[in-house]
């Protein structure tokens, strides 16, 4: 199960990096911000995104020991979105010992 999750989250991480980079090369978000902000579904998507960031950040706060790491992860989650989410999950997966599983992934604190 853990090996499958490592593969899935690695693929998601690479895919999202590809999507963000290729989209950034074609379109400047900051130049289109006024137009995008006027679309109701874009505003709903942003609210949805930041709600998910908060949910994931609660888990990060539980897992991470130091305030500094919590702040770094908050900045990464807000600025990089699912790229940072996938990175955090991958880090947690690779920290697991060979016999550990989902219970340890979600339950054990770092450090």
PDB file of N, CA and C in Angstrom:
ATOM      1  N   UNK A   1       0.817  -1.196   0.000  1.00  0.00           N
ATOM      2  CA  UNK A   1       0.000   0.000   0.000  1.00  0.00           C
ATOM      3  C   UNK A   1       0.868   1.272   0.000  1.00  0.00           C
ATOM      4  N   UNK A   2       1.887   1.300   0.836  1.00  0.00           N
ATOM      5  CA  UNK A   2       2.757   2.476   0.928  1.00  0.00           C
ATOM      6  C   UNK A   2       3.518   2.670  -0.379  1.00  0.00           C
ATOM      7  N   UNK A   3       3.978   1.587  -0.975  1.00  0.00           N
ATOM      8  CA  UNK A   3       4.695   1.693  -2.256  1.00  0.00           C
ATOM      9  C   UNK A   3       3.786   2.281  -3.330  1.00  0.00           C
ATOM     10  N   UNK A   4       2.536   1.851  -3.355  1.00  0.00           N
ATOM     11  CA  UNK A   4       1.570   2.379  -4.330  1.00  0.00           C
ATOM     12  C   UNK A   4       1.334   3.865  -4.097  1.00  0.00           C
ATOM     13  N   UNK A   5       1.235   4.275  -2.849  1.00  0.00           N
ATOM     14  CA  UNK A   5       1.043   5.693  -2.532  1.00  0.00           C
ATOM     15  C   UNK A   5       2.255   6.524  -2.951  1.00  0.00           C
ATOM     16  N   UNK A   6       3.442   5.980  -2.774  1.00  0.00           N
ATOM     17  CA  UNK A   6       4.649   6.687  -3.213  1.00  0.00           C
ATOM     18  C   UNK A   6       4.618   6.915  -4.722  1.00  0.00           C
ATOM     19  N   UNK A   7       4.199   5.895  -5.454  1.00  0.00           N
ATOM     20  CA  UNK A   7       4.114   6.018  -6.916  1.00  0.00           C
ATOM     21  C   UNK A   7       3.041   7.027  -7.305  1.00  0.00           C
ATOM     22  N   UNK A   8       1.873   6.917  -6.711  1.00  0.00           N
ATOM     23  CA  UNK A   8       0.755   7.813  -7.040  1.00  0.00           C
ATOM     24  C   UNK A   8       1.118   9.266  -6.751  1.00  0.00           C
ATOM     25  N   UNK A   9       1.645   9.534  -5.556  1.00  0.00           N
ATOM     26  CA  UNK A   9       1.961  10.916  -5.197  1.00  0.00           C
ATOM     27  C   UNK A   9       3.166  11.455  -5.970  1.00  0.00           C
ATOM     28  N   UNK A  10       4.077  10.590  -6.353  1.00  0.00           N
ATOM     29  CA  UNK A  10       5.187  11.013  -7.213  1.00  0.00           C
ATOM     30  C   UNK A  10       4.674  11.423  -8.585  1.00  0.00           C
ATOM     31  N   UNK A  11       3.773  10.617  -9.138  1.00  0.00           N
ATOM     32  CA  UNK A  11       3.181  10.952 -10.440  1.00  0.00           C
ATOM     33  C   UNK A  11       2.381  12.249 -10.364  1.00  0.00           C
ATOM     34  N   UNK A  12       1.596  12.412  -9.304  1.00  0.00           N
ATOM     35  CA  UNK A  12       0.827  13.644  -9.134  1.00  0.00           C
ATOM     36  C   UNK A  12       1.746  14.853  -8.998  1.00  0.00           C
ATOM     37  N   UNK A  13       2.824  14.702  -8.252  1.00  0.00           N
ATOM     38  CA  UNK A  13       3.790  15.788  -8.072  1.00  0.00           C
ATOM     39  C   UNK A  13       4.397  16.198  -9.413  1.00  0.00           C
ATOM     40  N   UNK A  14       4.865  15.225 -10.171  1.00  0.00           N
ATOM     41  CA  UNK A  14       5.475  15.513 -11.480  1.00  0.00           C
ATOM     42  C   UNK A  14       4.446  16.124 -12.424  1.00  0.00           C
ATOM     43  N   UNK A  15       3.236  15.561 -12.446  1.00  0.00           N
ATOM     44  CA  UNK A  15       2.176  16.067 -13.323  1.00  0.00           C
ATOM     45  C   UNK A  15       1.849  17.526 -13.001  1.00  0.00           C
ATOM     46  N   UNK A  16       1.678  17.851 -11.717  1.00  0.00           N
ATOM     47  CA  UNK A  16       1.321  19.216 -11.346  1.00  0.00           C
ATOM     48  C   UNK A  16       2.467  20.185 -11.641  1.00  0.00           C
ATOM     49  N   UNK A  17       3.698  19.753 -11.458  1.00  0.00           N
ATOM     50  CA  UNK A  17       4.845  20.601 -11.840  1.00  0.00           C
ATOM     51  C   UNK A  17       4.787  20.887 -13.335  1.00  0.00           C
ATOM     52  N   UNK A  18       4.538  19.865 -14.121  1.00  0.00           N
ATOM     53  CA  UNK A  18       4.437  20.024 -15.577  1.00  0.00           C
ATOM     54  C   UNK A  18       3.309  20.990 -15.951  1.00  0.00           C
ATOM     55  N   UNK A  19       2.135  20.791 -15.358  1.00  0.00           N
ATOM     56  CA  UNK A  19       0.970  21.630 -15.674  1.00  0.00           C
ATOM     57  C   UNK A  19       1.243  23.089 -15.314  1.00  0.00           C
ATOM     58  N   UNK A  20       1.785  23.323 -14.137  1.00  0.00           N
ATOM     59  CA  UNK A  20       2.037  24.696 -13.691  1.00  0.00           C
ATOM     60  C   UNK A  20       3.113  25.362 -14.550  1.00  0.00           C
ATOM     61  N   UNK A  21       4.179  24.640 -14.852  1.00  0.00           N
ATOM     62  CA  UNK A  21       5.262  25.226 -15.655  1.00  0.00           C
ATOM     63  C   UNK A  21       4.788  25.531 -17.071  1.00  0.00           C
ATOM     64  N   UNK A  22       4.133  24.575 -17.713  1.00  0.00           N
ATOM     65  CA  UNK A  22       3.685  24.812 -19.092  1.00  0.00           C
ATOM     66  C   UNK A  22       2.625  25.905 -19.158  1.00  0.00           C
ATOM     67  N   UNK A  23       1.747  25.949 -18.179  1.00  0.00           N
ATOM     68  CA  UNK A  23       0.727  27.002 -18.147  1.00  0.00           C
ATOM     69  C   UNK A  23       1.382  28.365 -17.910  1.00  0.00           C
ATOM     70  N   UNK A  24       2.351  28.421 -17.018  1.00  0.00           N
ATOM     71  CA  UNK A  24       3.048  29.679 -16.734  1.00  0.00           C
ATOM     72  C   UNK A  24       3.786  30.209 -17.957  1.00  0.00           C
ATOM     73  N   UNK A  25       4.312  29.311 -18.777  1.00  0.00           N
ATOM     74  CA  UNK A  25       5.015  29.730 -19.988  1.00  0.00           C
ATOM     75  C   UNK A  25       4.060  30.293 -21.040  1.00  0.00           C
ATOM     76  N   UNK A  26       2.800  29.859 -20.990  1.00  0.00           N
ATOM     77  CA  UNK A  26       1.802  30.303 -21.976  1.00  0.00           C
ATOM     78  C   UNK A  26       0.997  31.511 -21.501  1.00  0.00           C
ATOM     79  N   UNK A  27       0.853  31.654 -20.188  1.00  0.00           N
ATOM     80  CA  UNK A  27      -0.071  32.653 -19.662  1.00  0.00           C
ATOM     81  C   UNK A  27       0.460  33.206 -18.343  1.00  0.00           C
ATOM     82  N   UNK A  28       0.453  34.538 -18.203  1.00  0.00           N
ATOM     83  CA  UNK A  28       0.892  35.189 -16.986  1.00  0.00           C
ATOM     84  C   UNK A  28      -0.323  35.426 -16.087  1.00  0.00           C
ATOM     85  N   UNK A  29      -0.354  34.729 -14.969  1.00  0.00           N
ATOM     86  CA  UNK A  29      -1.483  34.841 -14.043  1.00  0.00           C
ATOM     87  C   UNK A  29      -1.693  36.274 -13.576  1.00  0.00           C
ATOM     88  N   UNK A  30      -0.612  36.992 -13.314  1.00  0.00           N
ATOM     89  CA  UNK A  30      -0.728  38.341 -12.772  1.00  0.00           C
ATOM     90  C   UNK A  30      -1.278  39.336 -13.798  1.00  0.00           C
ATOM     91  N   UNK A  31      -1.031  39.082 -15.063  1.00  0.00           N
ATOM     92  CA  UNK A  31      -1.596  39.940 -16.117  1.00  0.00           C
ATOM     93  C   UNK A  31      -3.090  39.692 -16.299  1.00  0.00           C
ATOM     94  N   UNK A  32      -3.550  38.504 -15.988  1.00  0.00           N
ATOM     95  CA  UNK A  32      -4.952  38.136 -16.197  1.00  0.00           C
ATOM     96  C   UNK A  32      -5.769  38.143 -14.914  1.00  0.00           C
ATOM     97  N   UNK A  33      -5.150  38.585 -13.820  1.00  0.00           N
ATOM     98  CA  UNK A  33      -5.808  38.492 -12.513  1.00  0.00           C
ATOM     99  C   UNK A  33      -7.153  39.222 -12.457  1.00  0.00           C
ATOM    100  N   UNK A  34      -7.222  40.444 -12.998  1.00  0.00           N
ATOM    101  CA  UNK A  34      -8.475  41.209 -12.943  1.00  0.00           C
ATOM    102  C   UNK A  34      -9.601  40.464 -13.664  1.00  0.00           C
ATOM    103  N   UNK A  35      -9.298  39.937 -14.831  1.00  0.00           N
ATOM    104  CA  UNK A  35     -10.306  39.177 -15.581  1.00  0.00           C
ATOM    105  C   UNK A  35     -10.711  37.913 -14.824  1.00  0.00           C
ATOM    106  N   UNK A  36      -9.724  37.151 -14.365  1.00  0.00           N
ATOM    107  CA  UNK A  36     -10.031  35.896 -13.663  1.00  0.00           C
ATOM    108  C   UNK A  36     -10.819  36.153 -12.383  1.00  0.00           C
ATOM    109  N   UNK A  37     -10.472  37.221 -11.668  1.00  0.00           N
ATOM    110  CA  UNK A  37     -11.179  37.550 -10.432  1.00  0.00           C
ATOM    111  C   UNK A  37     -12.629  37.937 -10.642  1.00  0.00           C
ATOM    112  N   UNK A  38     -12.980  38.309 -11.867  1.00  0.00           N
ATOM    113  CA  UNK A  38     -14.366  38.685 -12.154  1.00  0.00           C
ATOM    114  C   UNK A  38     -15.253  37.483 -12.456  1.00  0.00           C
ATOM    115  N   UNK A  39     -14.668  36.311 -12.619  1.00  0.00           N
ATOM    116  CA  UNK A  39     -15.435  35.099 -12.936  1.00  0.00           C
ATOM    117  C   UNK A  39     -15.884  34.442 -11.621  1.00  0.00           C
ATOM    118  N   UNK A  40     -17.195  34.301 -11.403  1.00  0.00           N
ATOM    119  CA  UNK A  40     -17.671  33.706 -10.147  1.00  0.00           C
ATOM    120  C   UNK A  40     -17.072  32.326  -9.839  1.00  0.00           C
ATOM    121  N   UNK A  41     -16.921  31.495 -10.851  1.00  0.00           N
ATOM    122  CA  UNK A  41     -16.355  30.165 -10.603  1.00  0.00           C
ATOM    123  C   UNK A  41     -14.880  30.239 -10.212  1.00  0.00           C
ATOM    124  N   UNK A  42     -14.188  31.233 -10.674  1.00  0.00           N
ATOM    125  CA  UNK A  42     -12.791  31.399 -10.267  1.00  0.00           C
ATOM    126  C   UNK A  42     -12.724  31.776  -8.791  1.00  0.00           C
ATOM    127  N   UNK A  43     -13.609  32.670  -8.366  1.00  0.00           N
ATOM    128  CA  UNK A  43     -13.650  33.035  -6.948  1.00  0.00           C
ATOM    129  C   UNK A  43     -14.020  31.822  -6.095  1.00  0.00           C
ATOM    130  N   UNK A  44     -14.985  31.025  -6.558  1.00  0.00           N
ATOM    131  CA  UNK A  44     -15.363  29.816  -5.823  1.00  0.00           C
ATOM    132  C   UNK A  44     -14.202  28.823  -5.764  1.00  0.00           C
ATOM    133  N   UNK A  45     -13.466  28.710  -6.856  1.00  0.00           N
ATOM    134  CA  UNK A  45     -12.309  27.815  -6.898  1.00  0.00           C
ATOM    135  C   UNK A  45     -11.230  28.268  -5.920  1.00  0.00           C
ATOM    136  N   UNK A  46     -11.012  29.565  -5.819  1.00  0.00           N
ATOM    137  CA  UNK A  46     -10.021  30.071  -4.868  1.00  0.00           C
ATOM    138  C   UNK A  46     -10.439  29.806  -3.422  1.00  0.00           C
ATOM    139  N   UNK A  47     -11.729  30.025  -3.123  1.00  0.00           N
ATOM    140  CA  UNK A  47     -12.220  29.706  -1.783  1.00  0.00           C
ATOM    141  C   UNK A  47     -12.052  28.219  -1.495  1.00  0.00           C
ATOM    142  N   UNK A  48     -12.344  27.385  -2.476  1.00  0.00           N
ATOM    143  CA  UNK A  48     -12.180  25.943  -2.334  1.00  0.00           C
ATOM    144  C   UNK A  48     -10.712  25.596  -2.090  1.00  0.00           C
ATOM    145  N   UNK A  49      -9.823  26.191  -2.863  1.00  0.00           N
ATOM    146  CA  UNK A  49      -8.392  25.942  -2.733  1.00  0.00           C
ATOM    147  C   UNK A  49      -7.895  26.298  -1.332  1.00  0.00           C
ATOM    148  N   UNK A  50      -8.235  27.500  -0.862  1.00  0.00           N
ATOM    149  CA  UNK A  50      -7.727  27.924   0.445  1.00  0.00           C
ATOM    150  C   UNK A  50      -8.368  27.153   1.594  1.00  0.00           C
ATOM    151  N   UNK A  51      -9.570  26.668   1.408  1.00  0.00           N
ATOM    152  CA  UNK A  51     -10.173  25.785   2.407  1.00  0.00           C
ATOM    153  C   UNK A  51      -9.383  24.484   2.488  1.00  0.00           C
ATOM    154  N   UNK A  52      -9.028  23.937   1.337  1.00  0.00           N
ATOM    155  CA  UNK A  52      -8.207  22.719   1.318  1.00  0.00           C
ATOM    156  C   UNK A  52      -6.825  22.967   1.912  1.00  0.00           C
ATOM    157  N   UNK A  53      -6.245  24.129   1.652  1.00  0.00           N
ATOM    158  CA  UNK A  53      -4.951  24.472   2.252  1.00  0.00           C
ATOM    159  C   UNK A  53      -5.080  24.443   3.773  1.00  0.00           C
ATOM    160  N   UNK A  54      -6.152  25.003   4.302  1.00  0.00           N
ATOM    161  CA  UNK A  54      -6.351  25.009   5.757  1.00  0.00           C
ATOM    162  C   UNK A  54      -6.463  23.584   6.303  1.00  0.00           C
ATOM    163  N   UNK A  55      -7.216  22.728   5.619  1.00  0.00           N
ATOM    164  CA  UNK A  55      -7.373  21.333   6.056  1.00  0.00           C
ATOM    165  C   UNK A  55      -6.018  20.632   6.086  1.00  0.00           C
ATOM    166  N   UNK A  56      -5.249  20.773   5.027  1.00  0.00           N
ATOM    167  CA  UNK A  56      -3.943  20.126   4.961  1.00  0.00           C
ATOM    168  C   UNK A  56      -2.998  20.736   5.995  1.00  0.00           C
ATOM    169  N   UNK A  57      -3.086  22.049   6.180  1.00  0.00           N
ATOM    170  CA  UNK A  57      -2.218  22.718   7.141  1.00  0.00           C
ATOM    171  C   UNK A  57      -2.475  22.245   8.574  1.00  0.00           C
ATOM    172  N   UNK A  58      -3.699  21.900   8.906  1.00  0.00           N
ATOM    173  CA  UNK A  58      -3.994  21.352  10.239  1.00  0.00           C
ATOM    174  C   UNK A  58      -3.201  20.058  10.443  1.00  0.00           C
ATOM    175  N   UNK A  59      -3.159  19.207   9.413  1.00  0.00           N
ATOM    176  CA  UNK A  59      -2.374  17.970   9.492  1.00  0.00           C
ATOM    177  C   UNK A  59      -0.886  18.294   9.600  1.00  0.00           C
ATOM    178  N   UNK A  60      -0.422  19.260   8.823  1.00  0.00           N
ATOM    179  CA  UNK A  60       0.987  19.682   8.882  1.00  0.00           C
ATOM    180  C   UNK A  60       1.322  20.145  10.303  1.00  0.00           C
ATOM    181  N   UNK A  61       0.444  20.930  10.911  1.00  0.00           N
ATOM    182  CA  UNK A  61       0.690  21.416  12.276  1.00  0.00           C
ATOM    183  C   UNK A  61       0.772  20.262  13.276  1.00  0.00           C
ATOM    184  N   UNK A  62      -0.027  19.244  13.068  1.00  0.00           N
ATOM    185  CA  UNK A  62       0.044  18.068  13.934  1.00  0.00           C
ATOM    186  C   UNK A  62       1.356  17.319  13.730  1.00  0.00           C
ATOM    187  N   UNK A  63       1.759  17.153  12.468  1.00  0.00           N
ATOM    188  CA  UNK A  63       2.938  16.348  12.147  1.00  0.00           C
ATOM    189  C   UNK A  63       4.256  17.056  12.475  1.00  0.00           C
ATOM    190  N   UNK A  64       4.344  18.340  12.178  1.00  0.00           N
ATOM    191  CA  UNK A  64       5.608  19.055  12.330  1.00  0.00           C
ATOM    192  C   UNK A  64       5.795  19.562  13.753  1.00  0.00           C
ATOM    193  N   UNK A  65       7.026  19.513  14.198  1.00  0.00           N
ATOM    194  CA  UNK A  65       7.338  19.848  15.585  1.00  0.00           C
ATOM    195  C   UNK A  65       7.585  21.338  15.801  1.00  0.00           C
ATOM    196  N   UNK A  66       8.312  21.971  14.878  1.00  0.00           N
ATOM    197  CA  UNK A  66       8.734  23.348  15.114  1.00  0.00           C
ATOM    198  C   UNK A  66       7.822  24.357  14.409  1.00  0.00           C
ATOM    199  N   UNK A  67       7.733  25.520  15.020  1.00  0.00           N
ATOM    200  CA  UNK A  67       6.943  26.606  14.437  1.00  0.00           C
ATOM    201  C   UNK A  67       7.516  27.020  13.088  1.00  0.00           C
ATOM    202  N   UNK A  68       8.841  27.021  12.981  1.00  0.00           N
ATOM    203  CA  UNK A  68       9.477  27.428  11.725  1.00  0.00           C
ATOM    204  C   UNK A  68       9.047  26.532  10.567  1.00  0.00           C
ATOM    205  N   UNK A  69       9.051  25.215  10.777  1.00  0.00           N
ATOM    206  CA  UNK A  69       8.622  24.289   9.719  1.00  0.00           C
ATOM    207  C   UNK A  69       7.135  24.462   9.396  1.00  0.00           C
ATOM    208  N   UNK A  70       6.346  24.723  10.402  1.00  0.00           N
ATOM    209  CA  UNK A  70       4.913  24.949  10.167  1.00  0.00           C
ATOM    210  C   UNK A  70       4.708  26.175   9.276  1.00  0.00           C
ATOM    211  N   UNK A  71       5.445  27.229   9.548  1.00  0.00           N
ATOM    212  CA  UNK A  71       5.333  28.458   8.746  1.00  0.00           C
ATOM    213  C   UNK A  71       5.826  28.221   7.321  1.00  0.00           C
ATOM    214  N   UNK A  72       6.952  27.524   7.189  1.00  0.00           N
ATOM    215  CA  UNK A  72       7.474  27.215   5.840  1.00  0.00           C
ATOM    216  C   UNK A  72       6.442  26.425   5.045  1.00  0.00           C
ATOM    217  N   UNK A  73       5.865  25.411   5.668  1.00  0.00           N
ATOM    218  CA  UNK A  73       4.864  24.605   4.951  1.00  0.00           C
ATOM    219  C   UNK A  73       3.614  25.418   4.619  1.00  0.00           C
ATOM    220  N   UNK A  74       3.207  26.324   5.489  1.00  0.00           N
ATOM    221  CA  UNK A  74       2.052  27.172   5.175  1.00  0.00           C
ATOM    222  C   UNK A  74       2.343  28.019   3.939  1.00  0.00           C
ATOM    223  N   UNK A  75       3.514  28.618   3.891  1.00  0.00           N
ATOM    224  CA  UNK A  75       3.888  29.428   2.723  1.00  0.00           C
ATOM    225  C   UNK A  75       3.919  28.567   1.458  1.00  0.00           C
ATOM    226  N   UNK A  76       4.508  27.384   1.559  1.00  0.00           N
ATOM    227  CA  UNK A  76       4.572  26.491   0.400  1.00  0.00           C
ATOM    228  C   UNK A  76       3.180  26.056  -0.050  1.00  0.00           C
ATOM    229  N   UNK A  77       2.314  25.726   0.888  1.00  0.00           N
ATOM    230  CA  UNK A  77       0.953  25.299   0.534  1.00  0.00           C
ATOM    231  C   UNK A  77       0.176  26.421  -0.154  1.00  0.00           C
ATOM    232  N   UNK A  78       0.296  27.635   0.368  1.00  0.00           N
ATOM    233  CA  UNK A  78      -0.431  28.774  -0.209  1.00  0.00           C
ATOM    234  C   UNK A  78       0.110  29.129  -1.589  1.00  0.00           C
ATOM    235  N   UNK A  79       1.427  29.061  -1.761  1.00  0.00           N
ATOM    236  CA  UNK A  79       2.011  29.494  -3.035  1.00  0.00           C
ATOM    237  C   UNK A  79       2.084  28.389  -4.088  1.00  0.00           C
ATOM    238  N   UNK A  80       2.259  27.157  -3.660  1.00  0.00           N
ATOM    239  CA  UNK A  80       2.437  26.063  -4.621  1.00  0.00           C
ATOM    240  C   UNK A  80       1.266  25.092  -4.696  1.00  0.00           C
ATOM    241  N   UNK A  81       0.325  25.193  -3.764  1.00  0.00           N
ATOM    242  CA  UNK A  81      -0.871  24.352  -3.817  1.00  0.00           C
ATOM    243  C   UNK A  81      -0.579  22.868  -3.779  1.00  0.00           C
ATOM    244  N   UNK A  82      -1.116  22.157  -4.771  1.00  0.00           N
ATOM    245  CA  UNK A  82      -1.009  20.701  -4.768  1.00  0.00           C
ATOM    246  C   UNK A  82       0.416  20.212  -4.956  1.00  0.00           C
ATOM    247  N   UNK A  83       1.287  21.019  -5.526  1.00  0.00           N
ATOM    248  CA  UNK A  83       2.697  20.629  -5.616  1.00  0.00           C
ATOM    249  C   UNK A  83       3.258  20.477  -4.197  1.00  0.00           C
ATOM    250  N   UNK A  84       3.002  21.442  -3.346  1.00  0.00           N
ATOM    251  CA  UNK A  84       3.469  21.373  -1.954  1.00  0.00           C
ATOM    252  C   UNK A  84       2.755  20.259  -1.191  1.00  0.00           C
ATOM    253  N   UNK A  85       1.466  20.077  -1.440  1.00  0.00           N
ATOM    254  CA  UNK A  85       0.715  19.004  -0.764  1.00  0.00           C
ATOM    255  C   UNK A  85       1.313  17.646  -1.099  1.00  0.00           C
ATOM    256  N   UNK A  86       1.562  17.419  -2.374  1.00  0.00           N
ATOM    257  CA  UNK A  86       2.163  16.149  -2.796  1.00  0.00           C
ATOM    258  C   UNK A  86       3.558  15.982  -2.208  1.00  0.00           C
ATOM    259  N   UNK A  87       4.338  17.061  -2.182  1.00  0.00           N
ATOM    260  CA  UNK A  87       5.683  16.995  -1.609  1.00  0.00           C
ATOM    261  C   UNK A  87       5.623  16.632  -0.131  1.00  0.00           C
ATOM    262  N   UNK A  88       4.704  17.245   0.604  1.00  0.00           N
ATOM    263  CA  UNK A  88       4.584  16.947   2.031  1.00  0.00           C
ATOM    264  C   UNK A  88       4.223  15.483   2.246  1.00  0.00           C
ATOM    265  N   UNK A  89       3.244  14.994   1.484  1.00  0.00           N
ATOM    266  CA  UNK A  89       2.837  13.590   1.619  1.00  0.00           C
ATOM    267  C   UNK A  89       3.996  12.664   1.252  1.00  0.00           C
ATOM    268  N   UNK A  90       4.710  12.975   0.172  1.00  0.00           N
ATOM    269  CA  UNK A  90       5.849  12.142  -0.221  1.00  0.00           C
ATOM    270  C   UNK A  90       6.919  12.108   0.863  1.00  0.00           C
ATOM    271  N   UNK A  91       7.212  13.248   1.446  1.00  0.00           N
ATOM    272  CA  UNK A  91       8.203  13.286   2.533  1.00  0.00           C
ATOM    273  C   UNK A  91       7.753  12.385   3.677  1.00  0.00           C
ATOM    274  N   UNK A  92       6.470  12.476   4.028  1.00  0.00           N
ATOM    275  CA  UNK A  92       5.952  11.647   5.119  1.00  0.00           C
ATOM    276  C   UNK A  92       6.028  10.157   4.760  1.00  0.00           C
ATOM    277  N   UNK A  93       5.709   9.837   3.510  1.00  0.00           N
ATOM    278  CA  UNK A  93       5.766   8.440   3.069  1.00  0.00           C
ATOM    279  C   UNK A  93       7.189   7.891   3.124  1.00  0.00           C
ATOM    280  N   UNK A  94       8.158   8.682   2.682  1.00  0.00           N
ATOM    281  CA  UNK A  94       9.541   8.211   2.672  1.00  0.00           C
ATOM    282  C   UNK A  94      10.175   8.189   4.059  1.00  0.00           C
ATOM    283  N   UNK A  95       9.560   8.837   5.033  1.00  0.00           N
ATOM    284  CA  UNK A  95      10.046   8.781   6.419  1.00  0.00           C
ATOM    285  C   UNK A  95       9.594   7.502   7.126  1.00  0.00           C
ATOM    286  N   UNK A  96       8.599   6.827   6.566  1.00  0.00           N
ATOM    287  CA  UNK A  96       8.091   5.615   7.207  1.00  0.00           C
ATOM    288  C   UNK A  96       9.133   4.506   7.192  1.00  0.00           C
ATOM    289  N   UNK A  97       9.155   3.738   8.263  1.00  0.00           N
ATOM    290  CA  UNK A  97      10.022   2.564   8.337  1.00  0.00           C
ATOM    291  C   UNK A  97       9.359   1.427   7.555  1.00  0.00           C
ATOM    292  N   UNK A  98      10.126   0.411   7.168  1.00  0.00           N
ATOM    293  CA  UNK A  98       9.586  -0.655   6.307  1.00  0.00           C
ATOM    294  C   UNK A  98       8.281  -1.307   6.778  1.00  0.00           C
ATOM    295  N   UNK A  99       8.082  -1.482   8.037  1.00  0.00           N
ATOM    296  CA  UNK A  99       6.879  -2.165   8.540  1.00  0.00           C
ATOM    297  C   UNK A  99       5.730  -1.210   8.883  1.00  0.00           C
ATOM    298  N   UNK A 100       5.948   0.082   8.713  1.00  0.00           N
ATOM    299  CA  UNK A 100       4.917   1.057   9.064  1.00  0.00           C
ATOM    300  C   UNK A 100       3.941   1.240   7.909  1.00  0.00           C
ATOM    301  N   UNK A 101       2.717   1.653   8.267  1.00  0.00           N
ATOM    302  CA  UNK A 101       1.670   1.816   7.268  1.00  0.00           C
ATOM    303  C   UNK A 101       0.893   3.112   7.439  1.00  0.00           C
ATOM    304  N   UNK A 102      -0.370   3.081   7.045  1.00  0.00           N
ATOM    305  CA  UNK A 102      -1.212   4.279   7.067  1.00  0.00           C
ATOM    306  C   UNK A 102      -1.414   4.840   8.469  1.00  0.00           C
ATOM    307  N   UNK A 103      -1.516   3.956   9.450  1.00  0.00           N
ATOM    308  CA  UNK A 103      -1.697   4.421  10.824  1.00  0.00           C
ATOM    309  C   UNK A 103      -0.535   5.317  11.244  1.00  0.00           C
ATOM    310  N   UNK A 104       0.672   4.906  10.927  1.00  0.00           N
ATOM    311  CA  UNK A 104       1.848   5.703  11.262  1.00  0.00           C
ATOM    312  C   UNK A 104       1.965   6.944  10.369  1.00  0.00           C
ATOM    313  N   UNK A 105       1.567   6.800   9.110  1.00  0.00           N
ATOM    314  CA  UNK A 105       1.607   7.942   8.196  1.00  0.00           C
ATOM    315  C   UNK A 105       0.784   9.096   8.742  1.00  0.00           C
ATOM    316  N   UNK A 106      -0.436   8.794   9.159  1.00  0.00           N
ATOM    317  CA  UNK A 106      -1.342   9.854   9.610  1.00  0.00           C
ATOM    318  C   UNK A 106      -1.189  10.160  11.097  1.00  0.00           C
ATOM    319  N   UNK A 107      -0.765   9.192  11.890  1.00  0.00           N
ATOM    320  CA  UNK A 107      -0.793   9.369  13.320  1.00  0.00           C
ATOM    321  C   UNK A 107       0.488   9.812  13.979  1.00  0.00           C
ATOM    322  N   UNK A 108       1.627   9.342  13.481  1.00  0.00           N
ATOM    323  CA  UNK A 108       2.892   9.677  14.134  1.00  0.00           C
ATOM    324  C   UNK A 108       3.326  11.099  13.849  1.00  0.00           C
ATOM    325  N   UNK A 109       3.833  11.758  14.878  1.00  0.00           N
ATOM    326  CA  UNK A 109       4.382  13.098  14.718  1.00  0.00           C
ATOM    327  C   UNK A 109       5.825  12.993  14.254  1.00  0.00           C
ATOM    328  N   UNK A 110       6.290  14.011  13.527  1.00  0.00           N
ATOM    329  CA  UNK A 110       7.684  14.041  13.097  1.00  0.00           C
ATOM    330  C   UNK A 110       8.577  14.412  14.270  1.00  0.00           C
ATOM    331  N   UNK A 111       9.825  13.996  14.174  1.00  0.00           N
ATOM    332  CA  UNK A 111      10.799  14.369  15.187  1.00  0.00           C
ATOM    333  C   UNK A 111      10.831  13.336  16.233  1.00  0.00           C
TER     334      UNK A 111
END
